[in-house]
Amino acid sequence: MAKIARNGIKKDGLTTFNYAPGDNRQGVGMPTKVAKKYYVNNLSDLQKQAHKLRFASQGEFEKRADTMPAMDKSYGKYHWKSLKYYDVNLLYKIMDQGKADVAPVSTTDGQLATKGSALG
């Protein structure tokens, strides 16, 4: 199928590229300084410290079966200190401002490399 598509767009003077090895998945992120303060190195550590941490969500992460419910099933229920909803585009800013400690992230977010964030 990819070959057919590649040949089809060549006629229009376009080029396709091979798939990139990266994969954009959902995860949880937190500022590195917060991860160090609470000794969070993995999702198991995060679950144990959740009662001390403020979770900022876009409103979907804690509902999708493959995200927070799957984490609860694997590691035990995450009992956050607080859970507040924000626009997805503001989650890094909310953490930068110290209004939240943890938020859902896409694993290919550029902010992960530039904002000093830890990823779980």
N, C-alpha and C. Protein backbone atom coordinates (compact mmCIF):
# COMPACT_ATOMS: atom_id res chain seq x y z
N MET A 1 0.82 -1.18 0.00
CA MET A 1 0.00 0.00 0.00
C MET A 1 0.88 1.26 0.00
N ALA A 2 1.94 1.25 0.82
CA ALA A 2 2.83 2.41 0.88
C ALA A 2 3.49 2.64 -0.47
N LYS A 3 3.84 1.56 -1.15
CA LYS A 3 4.49 1.68 -2.46
C LYS A 3 3.55 2.34 -3.46
N ILE A 4 2.29 1.96 -3.42
CA ILE A 4 1.29 2.55 -4.33
C ILE A 4 1.17 4.05 -4.04
N ALA A 5 1.09 4.40 -2.77
CA ALA A 5 0.99 5.82 -2.41
C ALA A 5 2.23 6.58 -2.84
N ARG A 6 3.40 6.00 -2.60
CA ARG A 6 4.67 6.64 -2.96
C ARG A 6 4.71 6.89 -4.47
N ASN A 7 4.35 5.90 -5.24
CA ASN A 7 4.36 6.06 -6.70
C ASN A 7 3.32 7.07 -7.16
N GLY A 8 2.18 7.09 -6.47
CA GLY A 8 1.11 8.02 -6.83
C GLY A 8 1.52 9.47 -6.63
N ILE A 9 2.20 9.78 -5.54
CA ILE A 9 2.56 11.17 -5.31
C ILE A 9 3.79 11.60 -6.10
N LYS A 10 4.58 10.63 -6.55
CA LYS A 10 5.73 10.98 -7.41
C LYS A 10 5.24 11.70 -8.65
N LYS A 11 4.08 11.30 -9.13
CA LYS A 11 3.51 11.92 -10.32
C LYS A 11 3.23 13.41 -10.09
N ASP A 12 3.00 13.76 -8.83
CA ASP A 12 2.73 15.16 -8.48
C ASP A 12 4.00 15.90 -8.09
N GLY A 13 5.15 15.25 -8.24
CA GLY A 13 6.42 15.88 -7.91
C GLY A 13 6.71 15.92 -6.42
N LEU A 14 6.10 15.03 -5.66
CA LEU A 14 6.31 14.98 -4.22
C LEU A 14 7.12 13.74 -3.84
N THR A 15 7.67 13.74 -2.65
CA THR A 15 8.47 12.63 -2.15
C THR A 15 7.96 12.20 -0.79
N THR A 16 7.99 10.92 -0.52
CA THR A 16 7.67 10.42 0.82
C THR A 16 8.95 9.98 1.51
N PHE A 17 8.91 9.94 2.81
CA PHE A 17 10.06 9.52 3.60
C PHE A 17 9.73 8.23 4.34
N ASN A 18 10.75 7.50 4.71
CA ASN A 18 10.54 6.31 5.53
C ASN A 18 10.04 6.74 6.90
N TYR A 19 9.39 5.79 7.57
CA TYR A 19 8.89 6.08 8.91
C TYR A 19 10.03 6.47 9.84
N ALA A 20 9.77 7.43 10.69
CA ALA A 20 10.75 7.81 11.71
C ALA A 20 10.72 6.75 12.81
N PRO A 21 11.86 6.50 13.44
CA PRO A 21 11.88 5.47 14.47
C PRO A 21 11.17 5.89 15.76
N GLY A 22 10.91 7.17 15.96
CA GLY A 22 10.23 7.64 17.16
C GLY A 22 8.76 7.28 17.14
N ASP A 23 8.17 7.28 18.30
CA ASP A 23 6.76 6.95 18.43
C ASP A 23 6.14 7.91 19.44
N ASN A 24 5.08 8.55 19.07
CA ASN A 24 4.42 9.51 19.93
C ASN A 24 3.39 8.80 20.79
N ARG A 25 3.68 8.66 22.06
CA ARG A 25 2.78 8.00 22.99
C ARG A 25 2.47 8.93 24.15
N GLN A 26 1.48 8.52 24.93
CA GLN A 26 1.13 9.26 26.13
C GLN A 26 2.00 8.81 27.29
N GLY A 27 2.37 9.74 28.12
CA GLY A 27 3.12 9.46 29.33
C GLY A 27 2.80 10.51 30.37
N VAL A 28 3.52 10.49 31.47
CA VAL A 28 3.39 11.55 32.46
C VAL A 28 4.74 12.21 32.62
N GLY A 29 4.72 13.50 32.78
CA GLY A 29 5.94 14.25 32.94
C GLY A 29 5.88 15.11 34.18
N MET A 30 7.05 15.44 34.68
CA MET A 30 7.14 16.34 35.82
C MET A 30 8.48 17.05 35.77
N PRO A 31 8.56 18.23 36.34
CA PRO A 31 9.86 18.92 36.37
C PRO A 31 10.89 18.05 37.09
N THR A 32 12.09 18.01 36.56
CA THR A 32 13.16 17.19 37.14
C THR A 32 13.38 17.53 38.60
N LYS A 33 13.31 18.81 38.96
CA LYS A 33 13.53 19.20 40.36
C LYS A 33 12.46 18.60 41.28
N VAL A 34 11.24 18.45 40.79
CA VAL A 34 10.17 17.84 41.60
C VAL A 34 10.42 16.33 41.70
N ALA A 35 10.82 15.71 40.60
CA ALA A 35 11.13 14.28 40.63
C ALA A 35 12.24 13.98 41.62
N LYS A 36 13.26 14.83 41.65
CA LYS A 36 14.37 14.63 42.59
C LYS A 36 13.92 14.85 44.04
N LYS A 37 13.13 15.88 44.26
CA LYS A 37 12.64 16.19 45.61
C LYS A 37 11.88 15.02 46.22
N TYR A 38 11.06 14.35 45.40
CA TYR A 38 10.22 13.26 45.89
C TYR A 38 10.78 11.87 45.55
N TYR A 39 12.00 11.83 45.04
CA TYR A 39 12.67 10.57 44.69
C TYR A 39 11.84 9.72 43.73
N VAL A 40 11.32 10.37 42.70
CA VAL A 40 10.52 9.69 41.68
C VAL A 40 11.42 9.36 40.49
N ASN A 41 11.66 8.07 40.30
CA ASN A 41 12.49 7.60 39.19
C ASN A 41 11.71 6.75 38.20
N ASN A 42 10.49 6.35 38.57
CA ASN A 42 9.68 5.49 37.69
C ASN A 42 8.21 5.61 38.13
N LEU A 43 7.33 4.92 37.43
CA LEU A 43 5.90 5.03 37.72
C LEU A 43 5.54 4.44 39.08
N SER A 44 6.28 3.45 39.53
CA SER A 44 6.03 2.88 40.85
C SER A 44 6.32 3.91 41.94
N ASP A 45 7.45 4.62 41.80
CA ASP A 45 7.78 5.69 42.74
C ASP A 45 6.72 6.79 42.69
N LEU A 46 6.26 7.12 41.49
CA LEU A 46 5.26 8.17 41.33
C LEU A 46 3.96 7.79 42.05
N GLN A 47 3.57 6.54 41.94
CA GLN A 47 2.34 6.09 42.61
C GLN A 47 2.47 6.25 44.13
N LYS A 48 3.63 5.94 44.67
CA LYS A 48 3.85 6.04 46.12
C LYS A 48 3.85 7.49 46.61
N GLN A 49 4.22 8.42 45.75
CA GLN A 49 4.30 9.84 46.12
C GLN A 49 3.10 10.65 45.64
N ALA A 50 2.17 10.03 44.92
CA ALA A 50 1.05 10.76 44.31
C ALA A 50 0.28 11.61 45.32
N HIS A 51 0.12 11.13 46.53
CA HIS A 51 -0.65 11.87 47.54
C HIS A 51 -0.01 13.20 47.91
N LYS A 52 1.24 13.41 47.51
CA LYS A 52 1.94 14.67 47.77
C LYS A 52 1.99 15.58 46.54
N LEU A 53 1.51 15.08 45.40
CA LEU A 53 1.70 15.76 44.11
C LEU A 53 0.38 16.24 43.50
N ARG A 54 0.45 17.41 42.87
CA ARG A 54 -0.71 18.01 42.20
C ARG A 54 -0.67 17.62 40.73
N PHE A 55 -1.77 17.01 40.25
CA PHE A 55 -1.85 16.54 38.87
C PHE A 55 -2.65 17.52 38.03
N ALA A 56 -2.07 17.96 36.92
CA ALA A 56 -2.76 18.84 35.97
C ALA A 56 -3.13 18.00 34.76
N SER A 57 -4.39 17.98 34.40
CA SER A 57 -4.84 17.14 33.29
C SER A 57 -5.56 17.97 32.24
N GLN A 58 -5.62 17.40 31.05
CA GLN A 58 -6.40 18.00 29.98
C GLN A 58 -7.81 17.44 29.99
N GLY A 59 -8.12 16.54 30.94
CA GLY A 59 -9.46 16.00 31.09
C GLY A 59 -9.68 14.66 30.42
N GLU A 60 -8.69 14.17 29.71
CA GLU A 60 -8.82 12.90 28.98
C GLU A 60 -7.95 11.80 29.58
N PHE A 61 -6.79 12.17 30.08
CA PHE A 61 -5.78 11.20 30.50
C PHE A 61 -6.29 10.26 31.58
N GLU A 62 -7.02 10.77 32.55
CA GLU A 62 -7.48 9.91 33.63
C GLU A 62 -8.70 9.07 33.26
N LYS A 63 -9.22 9.25 32.03
CA LYS A 63 -10.40 8.50 31.59
C LYS A 63 -10.09 7.42 30.56
N ARG A 64 -9.08 7.63 29.74
CA ARG A 64 -8.76 6.66 28.68
C ARG A 64 -8.23 5.37 29.28
N ALA A 65 -8.73 4.26 28.82
CA ALA A 65 -8.35 2.95 29.37
C ALA A 65 -6.85 2.68 29.27
N ASP A 66 -6.18 3.25 28.28
CA ASP A 66 -4.76 2.96 28.08
C ASP A 66 -3.83 3.95 28.79
N THR A 67 -4.38 4.81 29.63
CA THR A 67 -3.53 5.79 30.31
C THR A 67 -3.66 5.62 31.83
N MET A 68 -4.27 6.54 32.54
CA MET A 68 -4.33 6.47 34.00
C MET A 68 -4.99 5.19 34.51
N PRO A 69 -6.11 4.75 33.95
CA PRO A 69 -6.67 3.48 34.44
C PRO A 69 -5.70 2.30 34.29
N ALA A 70 -4.91 2.29 33.23
CA ALA A 70 -3.92 1.22 33.06
C ALA A 70 -2.80 1.34 34.10
N MET A 71 -2.41 2.58 34.41
CA MET A 71 -1.39 2.81 35.44
C MET A 71 -1.93 2.37 36.80
N ASP A 72 -3.18 2.71 37.10
CA ASP A 72 -3.79 2.29 38.37
C ASP A 72 -3.81 0.77 38.49
N LYS A 73 -4.12 0.12 37.41
CA LYS A 73 -4.19 -1.35 37.41
C LYS A 73 -2.80 -1.96 37.62
N SER A 74 -1.79 -1.37 37.02
CA SER A 74 -0.43 -1.93 37.10
C SER A 74 0.30 -1.58 38.40
N TYR A 75 0.08 -0.38 38.93
CA TYR A 75 0.89 0.11 40.05
C TYR A 75 0.10 0.38 41.32
N GLY A 76 -1.21 0.29 41.25
CA GLY A 76 -2.06 0.69 42.37
C GLY A 76 -2.63 2.07 42.09
N LYS A 77 -3.73 2.37 42.76
CA LYS A 77 -4.43 3.65 42.53
C LYS A 77 -3.53 4.84 42.86
N TYR A 78 -3.52 5.80 41.97
CA TYR A 78 -2.80 7.06 42.18
C TYR A 78 -3.76 8.03 42.88
N HIS A 79 -3.50 8.30 44.13
CA HIS A 79 -4.33 9.24 44.91
C HIS A 79 -3.62 10.59 44.94
N TRP A 80 -3.92 11.42 43.95
CA TRP A 80 -3.26 12.72 43.81
C TRP A 80 -3.66 13.66 44.94
N LYS A 81 -2.75 14.53 45.33
CA LYS A 81 -3.05 15.59 46.30
C LYS A 81 -4.19 16.45 45.76
N SER A 82 -4.11 16.75 44.47
CA SER A 82 -5.19 17.47 43.79
C SER A 82 -5.16 17.12 42.31
N LEU A 83 -6.29 17.32 41.68
CA LEU A 83 -6.43 17.10 40.23
C LEU A 83 -7.21 18.28 39.67
N LYS A 84 -6.57 19.02 38.77
CA LYS A 84 -7.23 20.17 38.13
C LYS A 84 -7.11 20.04 36.62
N TYR A 85 -8.08 20.62 35.92
CA TYR A 85 -8.12 20.54 34.47
C TYR A 85 -7.67 21.86 33.85
N TYR A 86 -6.85 21.72 32.79
CA TYR A 86 -6.34 22.87 32.06
C TYR A 86 -6.36 22.57 30.57
N ASP A 87 -6.26 23.60 29.77
CA ASP A 87 -6.09 23.43 28.33
C ASP A 87 -4.78 22.68 28.11
N VAL A 88 -4.79 21.71 27.21
CA VAL A 88 -3.61 20.88 26.95
C VAL A 88 -2.39 21.72 26.59
N ASN A 89 -2.59 22.85 25.94
CA ASN A 89 -1.48 23.70 25.53
C ASN A 89 -0.83 24.46 26.70
N LEU A 90 -1.45 24.42 27.86
CA LEU A 90 -0.94 25.14 29.02
C LEU A 90 -0.25 24.25 30.05
N LEU A 91 -0.24 22.94 29.86
CA LEU A 91 0.24 22.04 30.90
C LEU A 91 1.69 22.29 31.30
N TYR A 92 2.58 22.50 30.34
CA TYR A 92 3.98 22.79 30.70
C TYR A 92 4.09 24.12 31.43
N LYS A 93 3.34 25.11 30.98
CA LYS A 93 3.36 26.42 31.64
C LYS A 93 2.86 26.32 33.07
N ILE A 94 1.82 25.54 33.29
CA ILE A 94 1.26 25.34 34.62
C ILE A 94 2.32 24.71 35.54
N MET A 95 3.06 23.72 35.02
CA MET A 95 4.13 23.12 35.83
C MET A 95 5.27 24.11 36.04
N ASP A 96 5.63 24.86 35.01
CA ASP A 96 6.69 25.87 35.13
C ASP A 96 6.36 26.91 36.20
N GLN A 97 5.08 27.25 36.29
CA GLN A 97 4.64 28.26 37.27
C GLN A 97 4.47 27.68 38.67
N GLY A 98 4.70 26.37 38.82
CA GLY A 98 4.58 25.74 40.13
C GLY A 98 3.15 25.50 40.58
N LYS A 99 2.20 25.55 39.64
CA LYS A 99 0.80 25.31 39.97
C LYS A 99 0.43 23.84 39.93
N ALA A 100 1.30 23.00 39.37
CA ALA A 100 1.09 21.56 39.30
C ALA A 100 2.46 20.89 39.28
N ASP A 101 2.48 19.64 39.70
CA ASP A 101 3.73 18.88 39.76
C ASP A 101 3.85 17.83 38.66
N VAL A 102 2.74 17.33 38.18
CA VAL A 102 2.71 16.23 37.22
C VAL A 102 1.63 16.51 36.18
N ALA A 103 1.89 16.10 34.93
CA ALA A 103 0.88 16.29 33.88
C ALA A 103 1.07 15.24 32.80
N PRO A 104 0.01 14.94 32.06
CA PRO A 104 0.16 14.05 30.91
C PRO A 104 0.95 14.76 29.82
N VAL A 105 1.80 14.01 29.14
CA VAL A 105 2.61 14.56 28.06
C VAL A 105 2.64 13.58 26.90
N SER A 106 2.96 14.08 25.74
CA SER A 106 3.26 13.22 24.60
C SER A 106 4.75 12.97 24.63
N THR A 107 5.15 11.74 24.42
CA THR A 107 6.56 11.38 24.59
C THR A 107 7.48 12.02 23.57
N THR A 108 6.92 12.66 22.55
CA THR A 108 7.76 13.36 21.58
C THR A 108 7.70 14.88 21.73
N ASP A 109 7.11 15.36 22.82
CA ASP A 109 7.05 16.81 23.06
C ASP A 109 8.45 17.40 23.14
N GLY A 110 8.69 18.44 22.39
CA GLY A 110 9.98 19.12 22.43
C GLY A 110 10.30 19.70 23.79
N GLN A 111 9.28 20.08 24.55
CA GLN A 111 9.48 20.67 25.87
C GLN A 111 10.20 19.71 26.82
N LEU A 112 10.06 18.42 26.58
CA LEU A 112 10.72 17.45 27.45
C LEU A 112 12.22 17.61 27.40
N ALA A 113 12.73 17.99 26.24
CA ALA A 113 14.18 18.17 26.08
C ALA A 113 14.66 19.54 26.54
N THR A 114 13.77 20.51 26.56
CA THR A 114 14.20 21.88 26.85
C THR A 114 13.73 22.40 28.20
N LYS A 115 12.81 21.76 28.84
CA LYS A 115 12.23 22.29 30.07
C LYS A 115 12.74 21.61 31.35
N GLY A 116 13.67 20.68 31.26
CA GLY A 116 14.14 20.00 32.46
C GLY A 116 13.07 19.14 33.06
N SER A 117 12.43 18.32 32.23
CA SER A 117 11.35 17.48 32.68
C SER A 117 11.76 16.02 32.75
N ALA A 118 11.16 15.30 33.69
CA ALA A 118 11.33 13.86 33.78
C ALA A 118 10.10 13.21 33.17
N LEU A 119 10.27 12.06 32.58
CA LEU A 119 9.19 11.38 31.87
C LEU A 119 8.97 10.00 32.45
N GLY A 120 7.71 9.64 32.64
CA GLY A 120 7.37 8.31 33.12
C GLY A 120 6.42 7.63 32.18
